[in-house]
Amino acid sequence: MNKVVLVGRLTKDPELKFDQGTGTAVATFTVAVNRRFKKEGQPEADFIPVVVFGKPAEATANYMAKGKLLSVSGNIQTRTYDAKDGTKRYVTEVIADEVDFLEWSSKPGGKKETNIEDLTDINDVENPF
């Protein structure tokens, strides 16, 4: 079974691109995940690269920013490619099935955070139907 669940913080804003062939949204980002045990009193973290496709990719790029807390579930995938210098490179990354926002961002161009105080009670609005 290949299943991974991570909870951590974004190391920088997600990068959003669109596949030229299919037009599918692809977001890439790195999640800093704290380790359970501290080394000599100092917390350590692992920096895990993540790729997500489609609508979740667009939502992640639009509503999440550096430092925000999120959870990711998916699977680990490895691949290789030949670099420009002729060396073979190996990449291990998480291909996300789900991305859950545990903290929201109010990035420019994105929607503003909604506070419970800003919501209008449905009983205060006249029903137009």
N, C-alpha and C. Protein backbone atom coordinates (compact mmCIF):
# COMPACT_ATOMS: atom_id res chain seq x y z
N MET A 1 0.85 -1.17 0.00
CA MET A 1 0.00 0.00 0.00
C MET A 1 0.90 1.23 0.00
N ASN A 2 0.58 2.20 -0.81
CA ASN A 2 1.34 3.45 -0.91
C ASN A 2 0.39 4.59 -0.57
N LYS A 3 0.39 5.01 0.68
CA LYS A 3 -0.50 6.07 1.15
C LYS A 3 0.26 6.94 2.12
N VAL A 4 0.16 8.27 1.97
CA VAL A 4 0.85 9.17 2.86
C VAL A 4 -0.10 10.29 3.29
N VAL A 5 0.01 10.70 4.55
CA VAL A 5 -0.75 11.83 5.08
C VAL A 5 0.25 12.73 5.78
N LEU A 6 0.27 14.01 5.38
CA LEU A 6 1.20 14.98 5.95
C LEU A 6 0.42 16.16 6.51
N VAL A 7 0.92 16.73 7.59
CA VAL A 7 0.41 17.99 8.11
C VAL A 7 1.63 18.87 8.33
N GLY A 8 1.63 20.03 7.67
CA GLY A 8 2.78 20.91 7.79
C GLY A 8 2.49 22.28 7.22
N ARG A 9 3.55 23.07 7.12
CA ARG A 9 3.42 24.45 6.63
C ARG A 9 4.10 24.61 5.28
N LEU A 10 3.52 25.48 4.46
CA LEU A 10 4.11 25.76 3.15
C LEU A 10 5.41 26.53 3.33
N THR A 11 6.44 26.13 2.58
CA THR A 11 7.72 26.82 2.66
C THR A 11 7.76 28.05 1.78
N LYS A 12 6.88 28.12 0.77
CA LYS A 12 6.71 29.29 -0.09
C LYS A 12 5.36 29.17 -0.76
N ASP A 13 4.94 30.23 -1.45
CA ASP A 13 3.65 30.19 -2.14
C ASP A 13 3.64 29.07 -3.17
N PRO A 14 2.50 28.37 -3.33
CA PRO A 14 2.41 27.33 -4.35
C PRO A 14 2.61 27.91 -5.75
N GLU A 15 3.21 27.11 -6.63
CA GLU A 15 3.42 27.53 -8.01
C GLU A 15 2.38 26.83 -8.88
N LEU A 16 1.60 27.60 -9.65
CA LEU A 16 0.53 27.06 -10.48
C LEU A 16 0.91 27.15 -11.95
N LYS A 17 0.78 26.03 -12.65
CA LYS A 17 1.01 25.99 -14.10
C LYS A 17 -0.14 25.22 -14.73
N PHE A 18 -0.26 25.33 -16.05
CA PHE A 18 -1.27 24.59 -16.77
C PHE A 18 -0.60 23.72 -17.82
N ASP A 19 -0.98 22.44 -17.88
CA ASP A 19 -0.43 21.51 -18.86
C ASP A 19 -0.79 22.02 -20.26
N GLN A 20 0.21 22.13 -21.12
CA GLN A 20 -0.02 22.68 -22.47
C GLN A 20 -0.92 21.78 -23.30
N GLY A 21 -0.83 20.47 -23.12
CA GLY A 21 -1.63 19.55 -23.91
C GLY A 21 -3.08 19.48 -23.47
N THR A 22 -3.30 19.35 -22.18
CA THR A 22 -4.65 19.12 -21.67
C THR A 22 -5.28 20.35 -21.01
N GLY A 23 -4.46 21.31 -20.64
CA GLY A 23 -4.96 22.49 -19.94
C GLY A 23 -5.21 22.24 -18.46
N THR A 24 -4.82 21.09 -17.96
CA THR A 24 -5.02 20.74 -16.56
C THR A 24 -4.12 21.58 -15.66
N ALA A 25 -4.71 22.10 -14.57
CA ALA A 25 -3.94 22.87 -13.59
C ALA A 25 -3.03 21.93 -12.80
N VAL A 26 -1.79 22.39 -12.57
CA VAL A 26 -0.81 21.62 -11.79
C VAL A 26 -0.16 22.59 -10.79
N ALA A 27 -0.31 22.31 -9.51
CA ALA A 27 0.33 23.13 -8.48
C ALA A 27 1.44 22.31 -7.82
N THR A 28 2.58 22.97 -7.61
CA THR A 28 3.68 22.34 -6.89
C THR A 28 4.03 23.21 -5.69
N PHE A 29 4.37 22.55 -4.60
CA PHE A 29 4.76 23.26 -3.40
C PHE A 29 5.51 22.31 -2.49
N THR A 30 6.14 22.87 -1.48
CA THR A 30 6.88 22.07 -0.50
C THR A 30 6.27 22.29 0.88
N VAL A 31 6.10 21.18 1.60
CA VAL A 31 5.52 21.23 2.94
C VAL A 31 6.63 20.89 3.95
N ALA A 32 6.79 21.75 4.95
CA ALA A 32 7.72 21.50 6.05
C ALA A 32 6.95 20.75 7.14
N VAL A 33 7.38 19.53 7.41
CA VAL A 33 6.71 18.68 8.39
C VAL A 33 7.65 18.44 9.56
N ASN A 34 7.23 18.83 10.75
CA ASN A 34 8.05 18.63 11.95
C ASN A 34 8.19 17.16 12.27
N ARG A 35 9.37 16.78 12.70
CA ARG A 35 9.61 15.41 13.16
C ARG A 35 9.09 15.28 14.58
N ARG A 36 8.80 14.06 14.99
CA ARG A 36 8.25 13.83 16.32
C ARG A 36 9.24 14.13 17.43
N PHE A 37 10.51 13.86 17.20
CA PHE A 37 11.50 14.02 18.25
C PHE A 37 12.45 15.16 17.90
N LYS A 38 12.89 15.86 18.93
CA LYS A 38 13.82 16.96 18.75
C LYS A 38 15.25 16.44 18.92
N LYS A 39 16.15 17.01 18.15
CA LYS A 39 17.56 16.66 18.26
C LYS A 39 18.24 17.73 19.09
N GLU A 40 18.75 17.35 20.24
CA GLU A 40 19.42 18.28 21.14
C GLU A 40 18.55 19.50 21.47
N GLY A 41 17.26 19.25 21.66
CA GLY A 41 16.34 20.32 22.04
C GLY A 41 15.82 21.16 20.90
N GLN A 42 16.38 20.98 19.70
CA GLN A 42 15.95 21.76 18.55
C GLN A 42 15.00 20.94 17.68
N PRO A 43 13.86 21.50 17.31
CA PRO A 43 12.95 20.75 16.43
C PRO A 43 13.56 20.62 15.03
N GLU A 44 13.31 19.47 14.41
CA GLU A 44 13.76 19.24 13.06
C GLU A 44 12.55 19.05 12.16
N ALA A 45 12.72 19.36 10.89
CA ALA A 45 11.63 19.21 9.93
C ALA A 45 12.15 18.54 8.67
N ASP A 46 11.23 17.88 7.99
CA ASP A 46 11.50 17.35 6.67
C ASP A 46 10.76 18.23 5.68
N PHE A 47 11.34 18.43 4.52
CA PHE A 47 10.76 19.29 3.49
C PHE A 47 10.33 18.40 2.34
N ILE A 48 9.02 18.23 2.19
CA ILE A 48 8.46 17.25 1.27
C ILE A 48 7.84 17.96 0.06
N PRO A 49 8.32 17.65 -1.17
CA PRO A 49 7.72 18.24 -2.36
C PRO A 49 6.37 17.57 -2.67
N VAL A 50 5.39 18.38 -3.07
CA VAL A 50 4.03 17.90 -3.33
C VAL A 50 3.58 18.42 -4.69
N VAL A 51 2.84 17.57 -5.42
CA VAL A 51 2.22 17.95 -6.68
C VAL A 51 0.74 17.63 -6.58
N VAL A 52 -0.12 18.55 -7.02
CA VAL A 52 -1.56 18.32 -7.02
C VAL A 52 -2.12 18.81 -8.35
N PHE A 53 -3.15 18.13 -8.85
CA PHE A 53 -3.71 18.42 -10.17
C PHE A 53 -5.16 18.89 -10.08
N GLY A 54 -5.62 19.58 -11.13
CA GLY A 54 -7.03 19.93 -11.30
C GLY A 54 -7.49 21.07 -10.40
N LYS A 55 -8.77 20.99 -10.02
CA LYS A 55 -9.38 22.04 -9.18
C LYS A 55 -8.68 22.20 -7.84
N PRO A 56 -8.28 21.09 -7.19
CA PRO A 56 -7.55 21.27 -5.93
C PRO A 56 -6.25 22.06 -6.12
N ALA A 57 -5.61 21.92 -7.28
CA ALA A 57 -4.39 22.68 -7.57
C ALA A 57 -4.69 24.17 -7.64
N GLU A 58 -5.77 24.52 -8.34
CA GLU A 58 -6.15 25.92 -8.46
C GLU A 58 -6.52 26.51 -7.10
N ALA A 59 -7.29 25.77 -6.32
CA ALA A 59 -7.70 26.25 -5.00
C ALA A 59 -6.49 26.45 -4.09
N THR A 60 -5.57 25.51 -4.12
CA THR A 60 -4.37 25.61 -3.28
C THR A 60 -3.57 26.84 -3.66
N ALA A 61 -3.37 27.07 -4.96
CA ALA A 61 -2.60 28.23 -5.42
C ALA A 61 -3.31 29.54 -5.09
N ASN A 62 -4.63 29.55 -5.14
CA ASN A 62 -5.39 30.78 -4.91
C ASN A 62 -5.59 31.12 -3.44
N TYR A 63 -5.65 30.12 -2.57
CA TYR A 63 -6.04 30.38 -1.19
C TYR A 63 -4.97 30.08 -0.14
N MET A 64 -3.83 29.53 -0.57
CA MET A 64 -2.78 29.21 0.40
C MET A 64 -1.53 30.03 0.10
N ALA A 65 -0.76 30.33 1.14
CA ALA A 65 0.46 31.13 1.00
C ALA A 65 1.53 30.60 1.95
N LYS A 66 2.72 31.08 1.75
CA LYS A 66 3.86 30.68 2.57
C LYS A 66 3.52 30.75 4.06
N GLY A 67 3.88 29.69 4.79
CA GLY A 67 3.68 29.66 6.23
C GLY A 67 2.35 29.12 6.69
N LYS A 68 1.39 28.95 5.78
CA LYS A 68 0.06 28.48 6.17
C LYS A 68 0.07 26.96 6.39
N LEU A 69 -0.73 26.52 7.35
CA LEU A 69 -0.82 25.12 7.73
C LEU A 69 -1.83 24.40 6.84
N LEU A 70 -1.43 23.22 6.34
CA LEU A 70 -2.34 22.41 5.53
C LEU A 70 -2.06 20.94 5.75
N SER A 71 -3.00 20.12 5.30
CA SER A 71 -2.77 18.67 5.31
C SER A 71 -2.89 18.17 3.89
N VAL A 72 -2.11 17.15 3.60
CA VAL A 72 -2.06 16.56 2.26
C VAL A 72 -2.18 15.06 2.41
N SER A 73 -3.01 14.43 1.58
CA SER A 73 -3.02 12.97 1.52
C SER A 73 -2.87 12.56 0.07
N GLY A 74 -2.13 11.49 -0.13
CA GLY A 74 -1.88 11.02 -1.49
C GLY A 74 -0.92 9.85 -1.45
N ASN A 75 -0.08 9.73 -2.50
CA ASN A 75 0.88 8.65 -2.54
C ASN A 75 2.25 9.18 -2.93
N ILE A 76 3.27 8.40 -2.60
CA ILE A 76 4.65 8.77 -2.93
C ILE A 76 4.97 8.21 -4.31
N GLN A 77 5.60 9.06 -5.11
CA GLN A 77 5.98 8.65 -6.46
C GLN A 77 7.44 9.02 -6.70
N THR A 78 8.16 8.15 -7.38
CA THR A 78 9.53 8.45 -7.76
C THR A 78 9.63 8.48 -9.27
N ARG A 79 10.55 9.29 -9.78
CA ARG A 79 10.79 9.38 -11.22
C ARG A 79 12.23 9.80 -11.45
N THR A 80 12.69 9.62 -12.67
CA THR A 80 14.04 10.04 -13.04
C THR A 80 13.97 10.86 -14.32
N TYR A 81 14.98 11.68 -14.50
CA TYR A 81 15.11 12.44 -15.75
C TYR A 81 16.59 12.76 -15.96
N ASP A 82 16.94 13.06 -17.20
CA ASP A 82 18.31 13.44 -17.53
C ASP A 82 18.43 14.96 -17.47
N ALA A 83 19.34 15.44 -16.64
CA ALA A 83 19.56 16.88 -16.49
C ALA A 83 20.33 17.42 -17.70
N LYS A 84 20.36 18.73 -17.83
CA LYS A 84 21.06 19.37 -18.95
C LYS A 84 22.55 19.03 -18.97
N ASP A 85 23.13 18.77 -17.79
CA ASP A 85 24.55 18.44 -17.74
C ASP A 85 24.82 16.95 -18.02
N GLY A 86 23.76 16.21 -18.36
CA GLY A 86 23.91 14.81 -18.73
C GLY A 86 23.79 13.82 -17.59
N THR A 87 23.65 14.30 -16.37
CA THR A 87 23.51 13.40 -15.22
C THR A 87 22.07 12.98 -15.05
N LYS A 88 21.89 11.81 -14.46
CA LYS A 88 20.54 11.32 -14.18
C LYS A 88 20.09 11.84 -12.82
N ARG A 89 18.91 12.41 -12.77
CA ARG A 89 18.37 12.96 -11.51
C ARG A 89 17.19 12.10 -11.06
N TYR A 90 17.09 11.93 -9.75
CA TYR A 90 16.01 11.17 -9.15
C TYR A 90 15.14 12.11 -8.32
N VAL A 91 13.84 11.98 -8.46
CA VAL A 91 12.90 12.84 -7.75
C VAL A 91 11.90 11.96 -7.00
N THR A 92 11.69 12.27 -5.74
CA THR A 92 10.65 11.63 -4.94
C THR A 92 9.71 12.72 -4.48
N GLU A 93 8.41 12.54 -4.73
CA GLU A 93 7.43 13.58 -4.39
C GLU A 93 6.11 12.92 -4.02
N VAL A 94 5.26 13.68 -3.36
CA VAL A 94 3.92 13.22 -3.01
C VAL A 94 2.97 13.73 -4.09
N ILE A 95 2.19 12.81 -4.66
CA ILE A 95 1.13 13.18 -5.59
C ILE A 95 -0.14 13.22 -4.75
N ALA A 96 -0.67 14.41 -4.56
CA ALA A 96 -1.78 14.61 -3.62
C ALA A 96 -3.13 14.27 -4.25
N ASP A 97 -3.94 13.54 -3.50
CA ASP A 97 -5.33 13.29 -3.85
C ASP A 97 -6.21 14.36 -3.20
N GLU A 98 -5.82 14.77 -1.99
CA GLU A 98 -6.59 15.75 -1.22
C GLU A 98 -5.64 16.76 -0.58
N VAL A 99 -6.07 18.02 -0.56
CA VAL A 99 -5.37 19.07 0.17
C VAL A 99 -6.41 19.77 1.03
N ASP A 100 -6.20 19.77 2.33
CA ASP A 100 -7.13 20.42 3.26
C ASP A 100 -6.44 21.63 3.86
N PHE A 101 -7.13 22.77 3.82
CA PHE A 101 -6.58 24.02 4.33
C PHE A 101 -6.89 24.11 5.82
N LEU A 102 -5.86 24.10 6.63
CA LEU A 102 -6.03 24.20 8.08
C LEU A 102 -5.90 25.63 8.55
N GLU A 103 -5.27 26.48 7.74
CA GLU A 103 -5.23 27.93 7.92
C GLU A 103 -5.46 28.54 6.55
N TRP A 104 -6.19 29.63 6.51
CA TRP A 104 -6.50 30.28 5.24
C TRP A 104 -5.62 31.49 5.04
N SER A 105 -5.40 31.84 3.79
CA SER A 105 -4.61 33.01 3.42
C SER A 105 -5.52 34.08 2.87
N SER A 106 -5.10 35.32 2.98
CA SER A 106 -5.82 36.41 2.31
C SER A 106 -4.86 37.01 1.29
N LYS A 107 -4.41 36.18 0.36
CA LYS A 107 -3.47 36.60 -0.67
C LYS A 107 -4.14 37.61 -1.61
N PRO A 108 -3.37 38.55 -2.16
CA PRO A 108 -3.91 39.44 -3.17
C PRO A 108 -4.38 38.61 -4.36
N GLY A 109 -5.56 38.93 -4.86
CA GLY A 109 -6.10 38.16 -5.97
C GLY A 109 -6.93 36.99 -5.49
N GLY A 110 -6.71 36.57 -4.26
CA GLY A 110 -7.51 35.51 -3.69
C GLY A 110 -8.64 36.12 -2.89
N LYS A 111 -9.53 35.29 -2.40
CA LYS A 111 -10.63 35.81 -1.60
C LYS A 111 -10.16 36.11 -0.19
N LYS A 112 -10.75 37.12 0.40
CA LYS A 112 -10.43 37.51 1.76
C LYS A 112 -10.92 36.44 2.73
N GLU A 113 -10.20 36.31 3.83
CA GLU A 113 -10.64 35.39 4.87
C GLU A 113 -12.02 35.80 5.34
N THR A 114 -12.86 34.81 5.61
CA THR A 114 -14.19 35.09 6.11
C THR A 114 -14.23 34.79 7.60
N ASN A 115 -14.61 35.77 8.38
CA ASN A 115 -14.79 35.57 9.81
C ASN A 115 -16.26 35.30 10.07
N ILE A 116 -16.54 34.57 11.11
CA ILE A 116 -17.92 34.23 11.44
C ILE A 116 -18.75 35.49 11.68
N GLU A 117 -18.10 36.56 12.18
CA GLU A 117 -18.82 37.81 12.43
C GLU A 117 -19.25 38.49 11.13
N ASP A 118 -18.55 38.20 10.01
CA ASP A 118 -18.85 38.82 8.73
C ASP A 118 -20.02 38.17 8.01
N LEU A 119 -20.46 37.00 8.47
CA LEU A 119 -21.52 36.28 7.78
C LEU A 119 -22.88 36.86 8.16
N THR A 120 -23.79 36.86 7.19
CA THR A 120 -25.14 37.35 7.43
C THR A 120 -26.03 36.17 7.82
N ASP A 121 -26.77 36.35 8.88
CA ASP A 121 -27.69 35.31 9.31
C ASP A 121 -28.75 35.13 8.25
N ILE A 122 -29.03 33.91 7.87
CA ILE A 122 -30.01 33.63 6.81
C ILE A 122 -31.40 34.11 7.19
N ASN A 123 -31.68 34.17 8.48
CA ASN A 123 -32.98 34.64 8.93
C ASN A 123 -33.13 36.16 8.77
N ASP A 124 -32.01 36.87 8.58
CA ASP A 124 -32.04 38.32 8.40
C ASP A 124 -32.25 38.73 6.94
N VAL A 125 -32.25 37.77 6.02
CA VAL A 125 -32.36 38.07 4.60
C VAL A 125 -33.74 37.64 4.10
N GLU A 126 -34.38 38.51 3.31
CA GLU A 126 -35.68 38.20 2.77
C GLU A 126 -35.52 37.13 1.70
N ASN A 127 -36.34 36.11 1.70
CA ASN A 127 -36.26 35.02 0.74
C ASN A 127 -36.79 35.50 -0.61
N PRO A 128 -35.95 35.53 -1.67
CA PRO A 128 -36.40 36.04 -2.96
C PRO A 128 -37.22 35.02 -3.74
N PHE A 129 -37.41 33.83 -3.25
CA PHE A 129 -38.12 32.80 -4.01
C PHE A 129 -39.54 32.62 -3.56
